[in-house]
Amino acid sequence: MSSAGRLVAVRATAVSVDEVLAAVAHPSCGGITVFVGVVRDESEGRRVSRLEYSAYDAMAVAEMGRIADEIEREIPGARLAAVHRVGDLAVGDVAIACAAAAPHRAEAFRAARALIDRIKERVPVWKREHDETGATWVGWVDARCVGHDDHEHHDHEHHDHEHGR
């Protein structure tokens, strides 16, 4: 979805920082803040070789648009853009690029922080880490275990990490 000063997208192609910057640039904005999330080579002491991102694309884009609407109401004059990549990503690849422009730097920083934090909290994008032991979905908790303190009595196998994407 794209409108004046607004770009929100989920793509299987490389993310362009220049594109998100261009989407928010405007003569009324004296500050632009960019956040770029990249694939790192380590997670919880394990060597990560690559990541897989999956998304419910239409819902993800709609939710990113709602988030941008909220932030624009909270921070007058803010202009926002975010592009999240899906598919296989190598260490060092850009997973997400967010930009926020506002009349002043404080508002640009606040808008950028709110944008990435809310995307991570609410947008249906899932991350699968690949390491020397195999692949693990990040943040996934088996629903059969919810409400049980002792997971050992279940007759199913799962590998989960209780941290966000």
N, C-alpha and C. Protein backbone atom coordinates (compact mmCIF):
# COMPACT_ATOMS: atom_id res chain seq x y z
N MET A 1 0.85 -1.17 0.00
CA MET A 1 0.00 0.00 0.00
C MET A 1 0.89 1.22 0.00
N SER A 2 0.57 2.18 -0.82
CA SER A 2 1.37 3.39 -0.88
C SER A 2 0.45 4.57 -1.13
N SER A 3 0.68 5.64 -0.39
CA SER A 3 -0.02 6.89 -0.63
C SER A 3 0.99 8.00 -0.38
N ALA A 4 0.56 9.23 -0.49
CA ALA A 4 1.49 10.35 -0.31
C ALA A 4 2.16 10.23 1.05
N GLY A 5 3.47 10.05 1.04
CA GLY A 5 4.20 9.95 2.29
C GLY A 5 4.04 8.63 2.99
N ARG A 6 3.42 7.66 2.35
CA ARG A 6 3.16 6.39 3.02
C ARG A 6 3.52 5.24 2.10
N LEU A 7 4.36 4.38 2.60
CA LEU A 7 4.69 3.14 1.90
C LEU A 7 4.71 2.05 2.96
N VAL A 8 3.85 1.06 2.81
CA VAL A 8 3.90 -0.14 3.65
C VAL A 8 3.79 -1.33 2.72
N ALA A 9 4.71 -2.29 2.89
CA ALA A 9 4.74 -3.42 1.97
C ALA A 9 5.42 -4.62 2.60
N VAL A 10 5.06 -5.79 2.07
CA VAL A 10 5.73 -7.05 2.39
C VAL A 10 6.17 -7.60 1.04
N ARG A 11 7.47 -7.92 0.93
CA ARG A 11 8.02 -8.33 -0.36
C ARG A 11 8.99 -9.49 -0.23
N ALA A 12 9.08 -10.26 -1.29
CA ALA A 12 10.05 -11.36 -1.36
C ALA A 12 11.36 -10.90 -2.00
N THR A 13 11.44 -9.63 -2.37
CA THR A 13 12.64 -9.09 -3.00
C THR A 13 13.40 -8.22 -2.00
N ALA A 14 14.63 -7.89 -2.35
CA ALA A 14 15.48 -7.08 -1.47
C ALA A 14 14.80 -5.77 -1.08
N VAL A 15 15.02 -5.36 0.17
CA VAL A 15 14.45 -4.13 0.69
C VAL A 15 15.42 -2.98 0.41
N SER A 16 14.88 -1.87 -0.05
CA SER A 16 15.68 -0.69 -0.37
C SER A 16 15.50 0.39 0.69
N VAL A 17 16.58 0.73 1.37
CA VAL A 17 16.55 1.83 2.33
C VAL A 17 16.26 3.14 1.60
N ASP A 18 16.82 3.31 0.42
CA ASP A 18 16.57 4.52 -0.36
C ASP A 18 15.08 4.69 -0.67
N GLU A 19 14.39 3.57 -0.92
CA GLU A 19 12.96 3.66 -1.23
C GLU A 19 12.16 4.16 -0.03
N VAL A 20 12.44 3.65 1.18
CA VAL A 20 11.69 4.11 2.35
C VAL A 20 12.03 5.56 2.67
N LEU A 21 13.28 5.95 2.46
CA LEU A 21 13.66 7.36 2.66
C LEU A 21 12.91 8.26 1.70
N ALA A 22 12.89 7.90 0.44
CA ALA A 22 12.20 8.71 -0.57
C ALA A 22 10.70 8.82 -0.28
N ALA A 23 10.12 7.76 0.26
CA ALA A 23 8.68 7.76 0.53
C ALA A 23 8.28 8.76 1.60
N VAL A 24 9.18 9.08 2.53
CA VAL A 24 8.82 9.98 3.64
C VAL A 24 9.38 11.39 3.48
N ALA A 25 10.33 11.59 2.58
CA ALA A 25 10.95 12.91 2.42
C ALA A 25 9.90 13.94 2.00
N HIS A 26 9.96 15.11 2.64
CA HIS A 26 9.00 16.17 2.35
C HIS A 26 9.58 17.49 2.84
N PRO A 27 9.33 18.60 2.14
CA PRO A 27 9.88 19.89 2.56
C PRO A 27 9.47 20.32 3.97
N SER A 28 8.34 19.81 4.49
CA SER A 28 7.88 20.19 5.83
C SER A 28 8.59 19.42 6.93
N CYS A 29 9.38 18.42 6.55
CA CYS A 29 10.01 17.55 7.55
C CYS A 29 11.49 17.88 7.69
N GLY A 30 11.87 18.27 8.89
CA GLY A 30 13.27 18.59 9.17
C GLY A 30 14.05 17.43 9.74
N GLY A 31 13.37 16.33 10.07
CA GLY A 31 14.05 15.16 10.63
C GLY A 31 13.53 13.88 9.99
N ILE A 32 14.44 13.00 9.64
CA ILE A 32 14.09 11.67 9.14
C ILE A 32 14.92 10.67 9.92
N THR A 33 14.24 9.68 10.47
CA THR A 33 14.90 8.60 11.19
C THR A 33 14.65 7.31 10.44
N VAL A 34 15.68 6.48 10.31
CA VAL A 34 15.57 5.20 9.62
C VAL A 34 15.99 4.10 10.57
N PHE A 35 15.21 3.02 10.58
CA PHE A 35 15.59 1.80 11.29
C PHE A 35 15.73 0.71 10.24
N VAL A 36 16.85 -0.01 10.29
CA VAL A 36 17.08 -1.13 9.38
C VAL A 36 17.37 -2.35 10.22
N GLY A 37 16.52 -3.37 10.10
CA GLY A 37 16.73 -4.64 10.79
C GLY A 37 17.41 -5.61 9.84
N VAL A 38 18.54 -6.17 10.27
CA VAL A 38 19.30 -7.10 9.43
C VAL A 38 19.41 -8.45 10.12
N VAL A 39 19.65 -9.48 9.34
CA VAL A 39 19.82 -10.84 9.86
C VAL A 39 21.20 -10.91 10.50
N ARG A 40 21.21 -11.29 11.77
CA ARG A 40 22.48 -11.45 12.47
C ARG A 40 22.89 -12.92 12.50
N ASP A 41 24.13 -13.16 12.84
CA ASP A 41 24.68 -14.53 12.78
C ASP A 41 24.58 -15.30 14.09
N GLU A 42 23.89 -14.75 15.08
CA GLU A 42 23.82 -15.41 16.39
C GLU A 42 22.45 -15.15 17.01
N SER A 43 21.94 -16.14 17.73
CA SER A 43 20.71 -15.98 18.50
C SER A 43 20.78 -16.91 19.71
N GLU A 44 20.74 -16.30 20.88
CA GLU A 44 20.78 -17.07 22.13
C GLU A 44 21.94 -18.05 22.17
N GLY A 45 23.11 -17.61 21.73
CA GLY A 45 24.31 -18.43 21.78
C GLY A 45 24.47 -19.43 20.65
N ARG A 46 23.52 -19.48 19.73
CA ARG A 46 23.61 -20.40 18.60
C ARG A 46 24.01 -19.62 17.36
N ARG A 47 24.78 -20.24 16.49
CA ARG A 47 25.18 -19.65 15.23
C ARG A 47 24.03 -19.78 14.23
N VAL A 48 23.53 -18.67 13.75
CA VAL A 48 22.44 -18.66 12.78
C VAL A 48 23.04 -18.61 11.37
N SER A 49 22.58 -19.51 10.51
CA SER A 49 23.10 -19.53 9.13
C SER A 49 22.20 -18.76 8.17
N ARG A 50 20.88 -18.76 8.46
CA ARG A 50 19.92 -18.02 7.63
C ARG A 50 18.60 -17.94 8.36
N LEU A 51 17.71 -17.09 7.86
CA LEU A 51 16.36 -16.96 8.40
C LEU A 51 15.36 -17.14 7.28
N GLU A 52 14.18 -17.59 7.66
CA GLU A 52 13.03 -17.64 6.75
C GLU A 52 11.96 -16.77 7.38
N TYR A 53 11.43 -15.84 6.62
CA TYR A 53 10.29 -15.05 7.08
C TYR A 53 9.08 -15.45 6.26
N SER A 54 7.95 -15.64 6.95
CA SER A 54 6.66 -15.91 6.31
C SER A 54 5.68 -14.88 6.82
N ALA A 55 4.69 -14.56 6.01
CA ALA A 55 3.69 -13.58 6.42
C ALA A 55 2.35 -13.89 5.79
N TYR A 56 1.33 -13.43 6.43
CA TYR A 56 0.00 -13.36 5.84
C TYR A 56 0.00 -11.98 5.18
N ASP A 57 0.43 -11.92 3.93
CA ASP A 57 0.75 -10.66 3.27
C ASP A 57 -0.35 -9.61 3.35
N ALA A 58 -1.56 -9.94 2.95
CA ALA A 58 -2.63 -8.95 2.92
C ALA A 58 -2.92 -8.42 4.32
N MET A 59 -2.96 -9.31 5.29
CA MET A 59 -3.23 -8.88 6.65
C MET A 59 -2.05 -8.07 7.20
N ALA A 60 -0.84 -8.47 6.86
CA ALA A 60 0.35 -7.76 7.34
C ALA A 60 0.36 -6.32 6.80
N VAL A 61 0.09 -6.16 5.53
CA VAL A 61 0.09 -4.82 4.93
C VAL A 61 -1.04 -3.98 5.53
N ALA A 62 -2.21 -4.57 5.73
CA ALA A 62 -3.33 -3.83 6.32
C ALA A 62 -2.99 -3.39 7.75
N GLU A 63 -2.37 -4.26 8.52
CA GLU A 63 -2.02 -3.91 9.90
C GLU A 63 -0.92 -2.86 9.93
N MET A 64 0.04 -2.95 9.03
CA MET A 64 1.07 -1.92 8.96
C MET A 64 0.45 -0.56 8.63
N GLY A 65 -0.54 -0.57 7.76
CA GLY A 65 -1.26 0.68 7.45
C GLY A 65 -2.00 1.23 8.65
N ARG A 66 -2.64 0.35 9.42
CA ARG A 66 -3.34 0.80 10.64
C ARG A 66 -2.36 1.40 11.64
N ILE A 67 -1.21 0.75 11.78
CA ILE A 67 -0.18 1.25 12.70
C ILE A 67 0.28 2.63 12.25
N ALA A 68 0.54 2.80 10.97
CA ALA A 68 0.97 4.11 10.46
C ALA A 68 -0.11 5.16 10.70
N ASP A 69 -1.37 4.80 10.49
CA ASP A 69 -2.48 5.74 10.76
C ASP A 69 -2.46 6.18 12.22
N GLU A 70 -2.29 5.23 13.13
CA GLU A 70 -2.27 5.55 14.57
C GLU A 70 -1.15 6.53 14.89
N ILE A 71 0.03 6.23 14.40
CA ILE A 71 1.20 7.07 14.71
C ILE A 71 1.04 8.45 14.10
N GLU A 72 0.49 8.52 12.90
CA GLU A 72 0.26 9.82 12.28
C GLU A 72 -0.74 10.65 13.07
N ARG A 73 -1.73 10.01 13.71
CA ARG A 73 -2.67 10.73 14.57
C ARG A 73 -1.97 11.20 15.85
N GLU A 74 -1.08 10.38 16.37
CA GLU A 74 -0.37 10.71 17.61
C GLU A 74 0.71 11.77 17.42
N ILE A 75 1.32 11.80 16.24
CA ILE A 75 2.44 12.70 15.96
C ILE A 75 2.11 13.50 14.71
N PRO A 76 1.50 14.66 14.88
CA PRO A 76 1.10 15.47 13.72
C PRO A 76 2.30 15.78 12.82
N GLY A 77 2.09 15.64 11.53
CA GLY A 77 3.12 15.92 10.55
C GLY A 77 4.04 14.75 10.25
N ALA A 78 3.86 13.63 10.96
CA ALA A 78 4.71 12.45 10.72
C ALA A 78 4.36 11.81 9.39
N ARG A 79 5.37 11.30 8.71
CA ARG A 79 5.23 10.56 7.45
C ARG A 79 5.99 9.26 7.65
N LEU A 80 5.37 8.12 7.30
CA LEU A 80 5.93 6.82 7.65
C LEU A 80 6.05 5.89 6.45
N ALA A 81 7.03 5.00 6.53
CA ALA A 81 7.21 3.97 5.50
C ALA A 81 7.84 2.75 6.15
N ALA A 82 7.42 1.56 5.72
CA ALA A 82 8.00 0.32 6.22
C ALA A 82 7.86 -0.75 5.14
N VAL A 83 8.95 -1.48 4.91
CA VAL A 83 8.94 -2.61 3.98
C VAL A 83 9.57 -3.78 4.71
N HIS A 84 8.83 -4.89 4.78
CA HIS A 84 9.31 -6.12 5.44
C HIS A 84 9.54 -7.17 4.37
N ARG A 85 10.65 -7.83 4.46
CA ARG A 85 10.98 -8.88 3.50
C ARG A 85 10.50 -10.23 4.01
N VAL A 86 10.10 -11.09 3.09
CA VAL A 86 9.75 -12.47 3.40
C VAL A 86 10.60 -13.39 2.52
N GLY A 87 10.63 -14.67 2.88
CA GLY A 87 11.43 -15.64 2.14
C GLY A 87 12.72 -15.94 2.87
N ASP A 88 13.67 -16.54 2.15
CA ASP A 88 14.96 -16.91 2.73
C ASP A 88 15.89 -15.70 2.74
N LEU A 89 16.48 -15.42 3.89
CA LEU A 89 17.41 -14.32 4.03
C LEU A 89 18.73 -14.84 4.59
N ALA A 90 19.82 -14.34 4.06
CA ALA A 90 21.15 -14.71 4.53
C ALA A 90 21.58 -13.73 5.62
N VAL A 91 22.58 -14.11 6.38
CA VAL A 91 23.17 -13.22 7.37
C VAL A 91 23.60 -11.94 6.67
N GLY A 92 23.20 -10.80 7.24
CA GLY A 92 23.52 -9.50 6.66
C GLY A 92 22.43 -8.91 5.78
N ASP A 93 21.46 -9.73 5.34
CA ASP A 93 20.36 -9.22 4.52
C ASP A 93 19.44 -8.32 5.34
N VAL A 94 18.84 -7.34 4.68
CA VAL A 94 17.88 -6.46 5.33
C VAL A 94 16.54 -7.18 5.42
N ALA A 95 16.03 -7.32 6.66
CA ALA A 95 14.74 -7.95 6.89
C ALA A 95 13.62 -6.91 6.88
N ILE A 96 13.90 -5.72 7.40
CA ILE A 96 12.89 -4.66 7.44
C ILE A 96 13.60 -3.31 7.42
N ALA A 97 12.98 -2.38 6.72
CA ALA A 97 13.44 -0.99 6.74
C ALA A 97 12.23 -0.11 7.04
N CYS A 98 12.39 0.74 8.03
CA CYS A 98 11.35 1.68 8.44
C CYS A 98 11.92 3.08 8.39
N ALA A 99 11.12 4.03 7.96
CA ALA A 99 11.53 5.43 7.98
C ALA A 99 10.38 6.25 8.53
N ALA A 100 10.75 7.27 9.29
CA ALA A 100 9.77 8.21 9.83
C ALA A 100 10.32 9.61 9.65
N ALA A 101 9.53 10.48 9.05
CA ALA A 101 9.90 11.88 8.90
C ALA A 101 8.90 12.70 9.69
N ALA A 102 9.38 13.81 10.24
CA ALA A 102 8.52 14.71 11.01
C ALA A 102 9.14 16.10 10.97
N PRO A 103 8.37 17.10 11.36
CA PRO A 103 8.92 18.45 11.33
C PRO A 103 10.20 18.61 12.16
N HIS A 104 10.33 17.84 13.27
CA HIS A 104 11.49 17.96 14.15
C HIS A 104 12.05 16.58 14.48
N ARG A 105 13.33 16.51 14.86
CA ARG A 105 13.99 15.23 15.08
C ARG A 105 13.36 14.41 16.20
N ALA A 106 12.93 15.05 17.29
CA ALA A 106 12.35 14.29 18.40
C ALA A 106 11.13 13.49 17.95
N GLU A 107 10.28 14.13 17.16
CA GLU A 107 9.09 13.45 16.66
C GLU A 107 9.46 12.36 15.67
N ALA A 108 10.49 12.59 14.86
CA ALA A 108 10.92 11.56 13.90
C ALA A 108 11.44 10.33 14.63
N PHE A 109 12.25 10.53 15.67
CA PHE A 109 12.75 9.39 16.46
C PHE A 109 11.60 8.65 17.14
N ARG A 110 10.67 9.41 17.73
CA ARG A 110 9.54 8.79 18.43
C ARG A 110 8.67 8.00 17.45
N ALA A 111 8.42 8.56 16.28
CA ALA A 111 7.58 7.87 15.29
C ALA A 111 8.27 6.61 14.77
N ALA A 112 9.56 6.67 14.51
CA ALA A 112 10.29 5.49 14.02
C ALA A 112 10.28 4.38 15.06
N ARG A 113 10.51 4.72 16.31
CA ARG A 113 10.51 3.72 17.38
C ARG A 113 9.14 3.09 17.52
N ALA A 114 8.11 3.90 17.51
CA ALA A 114 6.74 3.38 17.61
C ALA A 114 6.43 2.47 16.42
N LEU A 115 6.86 2.86 15.23
CA LEU A 115 6.57 2.08 14.03
C LEU A 115 7.19 0.68 14.12
N ILE A 116 8.48 0.57 14.39
CA ILE A 116 9.10 -0.76 14.43
C ILE A 116 8.58 -1.58 15.61
N ASP A 117 8.40 -0.94 16.76
CA ASP A 117 7.91 -1.70 17.92
C ASP A 117 6.51 -2.27 17.67
N ARG A 118 5.63 -1.48 17.11
CA ARG A 118 4.26 -1.96 16.86
C ARG A 118 4.21 -2.99 15.74
N ILE A 119 5.06 -2.83 14.74
CA ILE A 119 5.12 -3.85 13.68
C ILE A 119 5.53 -5.18 14.30
N LYS A 120 6.56 -5.18 15.13
CA LYS A 120 7.03 -6.43 15.75
C LYS A 120 5.97 -7.04 16.66
N GLU A 121 5.20 -6.21 17.32
CA GLU A 121 4.17 -6.70 18.25
C GLU A 121 2.94 -7.24 17.53
N ARG A 122 2.53 -6.62 16.43
CA ARG A 122 1.19 -6.86 15.90
C ARG A 122 1.10 -7.43 14.50
N VAL A 123 2.12 -7.31 13.70
CA VAL A 123 2.00 -7.70 12.30
C VAL A 123 2.27 -9.21 12.13
N PRO A 124 1.40 -9.92 11.39
CA PRO A 124 1.54 -11.37 11.23
C PRO A 124 2.70 -11.75 10.29
N VAL A 125 3.90 -11.68 10.86
CA VAL A 125 5.13 -12.11 10.17
C VAL A 125 5.82 -13.08 11.12
N TRP A 126 6.24 -14.21 10.59
CA TRP A 126 6.86 -15.24 11.42
C TRP A 126 8.27 -15.52 10.95
N LYS A 127 9.14 -15.79 11.92
CA LYS A 127 10.56 -15.97 11.63
C LYS A 127 10.99 -17.37 12.04
N ARG A 128 11.73 -18.02 11.13
CA ARG A 128 12.28 -19.35 11.38
C ARG A 128 13.80 -19.26 11.25
N GLU A 129 14.50 -19.57 12.33
CA GLU A 129 15.96 -19.52 12.35
C GLU A 129 16.53 -20.87 11.98
N HIS A 130 17.59 -20.84 11.19
CA HIS A 130 18.31 -22.06 10.82
C HIS A 130 19.69 -21.99 11.47
N ASP A 131 20.03 -23.05 12.20
CA ASP A 131 21.35 -23.13 12.83
C ASP A 131 21.87 -24.55 12.70
N GLU A 132 22.95 -24.85 13.41
CA GLU A 132 23.58 -26.17 13.26
C GLU A 132 22.69 -27.32 13.74
N THR A 133 21.66 -27.03 14.52
CA THR A 133 20.77 -28.09 15.01
C THR A 133 19.52 -28.25 14.15
N GLY A 134 19.32 -27.37 13.20
CA GLY A 134 18.13 -27.44 12.36
C GLY A 134 17.42 -26.11 12.31
N ALA A 135 16.09 -26.14 12.18
CA ALA A 135 15.28 -24.93 12.06
C ALA A 135 14.32 -24.82 13.24
N THR A 136 14.14 -23.59 13.71
CA THR A 136 13.27 -23.32 14.85
C THR A 136 12.44 -22.08 14.57
N TRP A 137 11.12 -22.17 14.79
CA TRP A 137 10.26 -21.00 14.68
C TRP A 137 10.48 -20.14 15.90
N VAL A 138 10.73 -18.86 15.72
CA VAL A 138 11.00 -17.94 16.82
C VAL A 138 9.69 -17.42 17.39
N GLY A 139 9.59 -17.48 18.72
CA GLY A 139 8.41 -16.97 19.39
C GLY A 139 7.24 -17.92 19.39
N TRP A 140 7.41 -19.10 18.83
CA TRP A 140 6.33 -20.07 18.75
C TRP A 140 6.27 -20.88 20.04
N VAL A 141 5.10 -20.95 20.62
CA VAL A 141 4.85 -21.80 21.78
C VAL A 141 3.71 -22.72 21.40
N ASP A 142 3.92 -24.01 21.57
CA ASP A 142 2.90 -25.00 21.23
C ASP A 142 1.65 -24.73 22.06
N ALA A 143 0.53 -24.52 21.39
CA ALA A 143 -0.73 -24.20 22.07
C ALA A 143 -1.15 -25.30 23.04
N ARG A 144 -0.70 -26.51 22.82
CA ARG A 144 -1.05 -27.60 23.73
C ARG A 144 -0.37 -27.43 25.08
N CYS A 145 0.64 -26.55 25.16
CA CYS A 145 1.39 -26.35 26.39
C CYS A 145 0.94 -25.12 27.16
N VAL A 146 0.12 -24.28 26.55
CA VAL A 146 -0.29 -23.05 27.20
C VAL A 146 -1.03 -23.39 28.49
N GLY A 147 -0.60 -22.74 29.58
CA GLY A 147 -1.23 -22.97 30.87
C GLY A 147 -0.63 -24.11 31.65
N HIS A 148 0.37 -24.79 31.11
CA HIS A 148 1.02 -25.89 31.81
C HIS A 148 2.43 -25.48 32.18
N ASP A 149 2.75 -25.61 33.47
CA ASP A 149 4.10 -25.28 33.92
C ASP A 149 5.08 -26.38 33.56
N ASP A 150 4.62 -27.61 33.52
CA ASP A 150 5.50 -28.74 33.24
C ASP A 150 5.22 -29.26 31.84
N HIS A 151 6.10 -28.93 30.90
CA HIS A 151 5.92 -29.37 29.52
C HIS A 151 6.32 -30.82 29.32
N GLU A 152 7.02 -31.40 30.26
CA GLU A 152 7.56 -32.75 30.09
C GLU A 152 6.48 -33.82 30.02
N HIS A 153 5.32 -33.60 30.62
CA HIS A 153 4.30 -34.65 30.63
C HIS A 153 3.55 -34.76 29.31
N HIS A 154 3.77 -33.85 28.39
CA HIS A 154 3.10 -33.93 27.09
C HIS A 154 3.82 -34.93 26.19
N ASP A 155 3.05 -35.60 25.35
CA ASP A 155 3.64 -36.61 24.47
C ASP A 155 3.90 -36.05 23.08
N HIS A 156 4.30 -34.80 23.02
CA HIS A 156 4.67 -34.21 21.74
C HIS A 156 6.02 -33.54 21.87
N GLU A 157 6.66 -33.43 20.74
CA GLU A 157 7.97 -32.80 20.71
C GLU A 157 7.86 -31.43 20.08
N HIS A 158 8.49 -30.46 20.71
CA HIS A 158 8.54 -29.13 20.11
C HIS A 158 9.81 -28.44 20.54
N HIS A 159 10.26 -27.55 19.70
CA HIS A 159 11.43 -26.74 19.97
C HIS A 159 10.97 -25.30 19.81
N ASP A 160 10.93 -24.59 20.94
CA ASP A 160 10.47 -23.21 20.83
C ASP A 160 11.38 -22.29 21.63
N HIS A 161 11.33 -21.05 21.24
CA HIS A 161 12.07 -19.99 21.93
C HIS A 161 11.06 -18.94 22.32
N GLU A 162 11.10 -18.49 23.53
CA GLU A 162 10.14 -17.50 23.99
C GLU A 162 10.72 -16.11 23.88
N HIS A 163 10.97 -15.68 22.65
CA HIS A 163 11.37 -14.31 22.38
C HIS A 163 10.78 -13.89 21.05
N GLY A 164 10.65 -12.58 20.87
CA GLY A 164 9.98 -12.05 19.68
C GLY A 164 10.82 -12.15 18.43
N ARG A 165 10.20 -11.74 17.31
CA ARG A 165 10.88 -11.80 16.03
C ARG A 165 11.95 -10.76 15.92
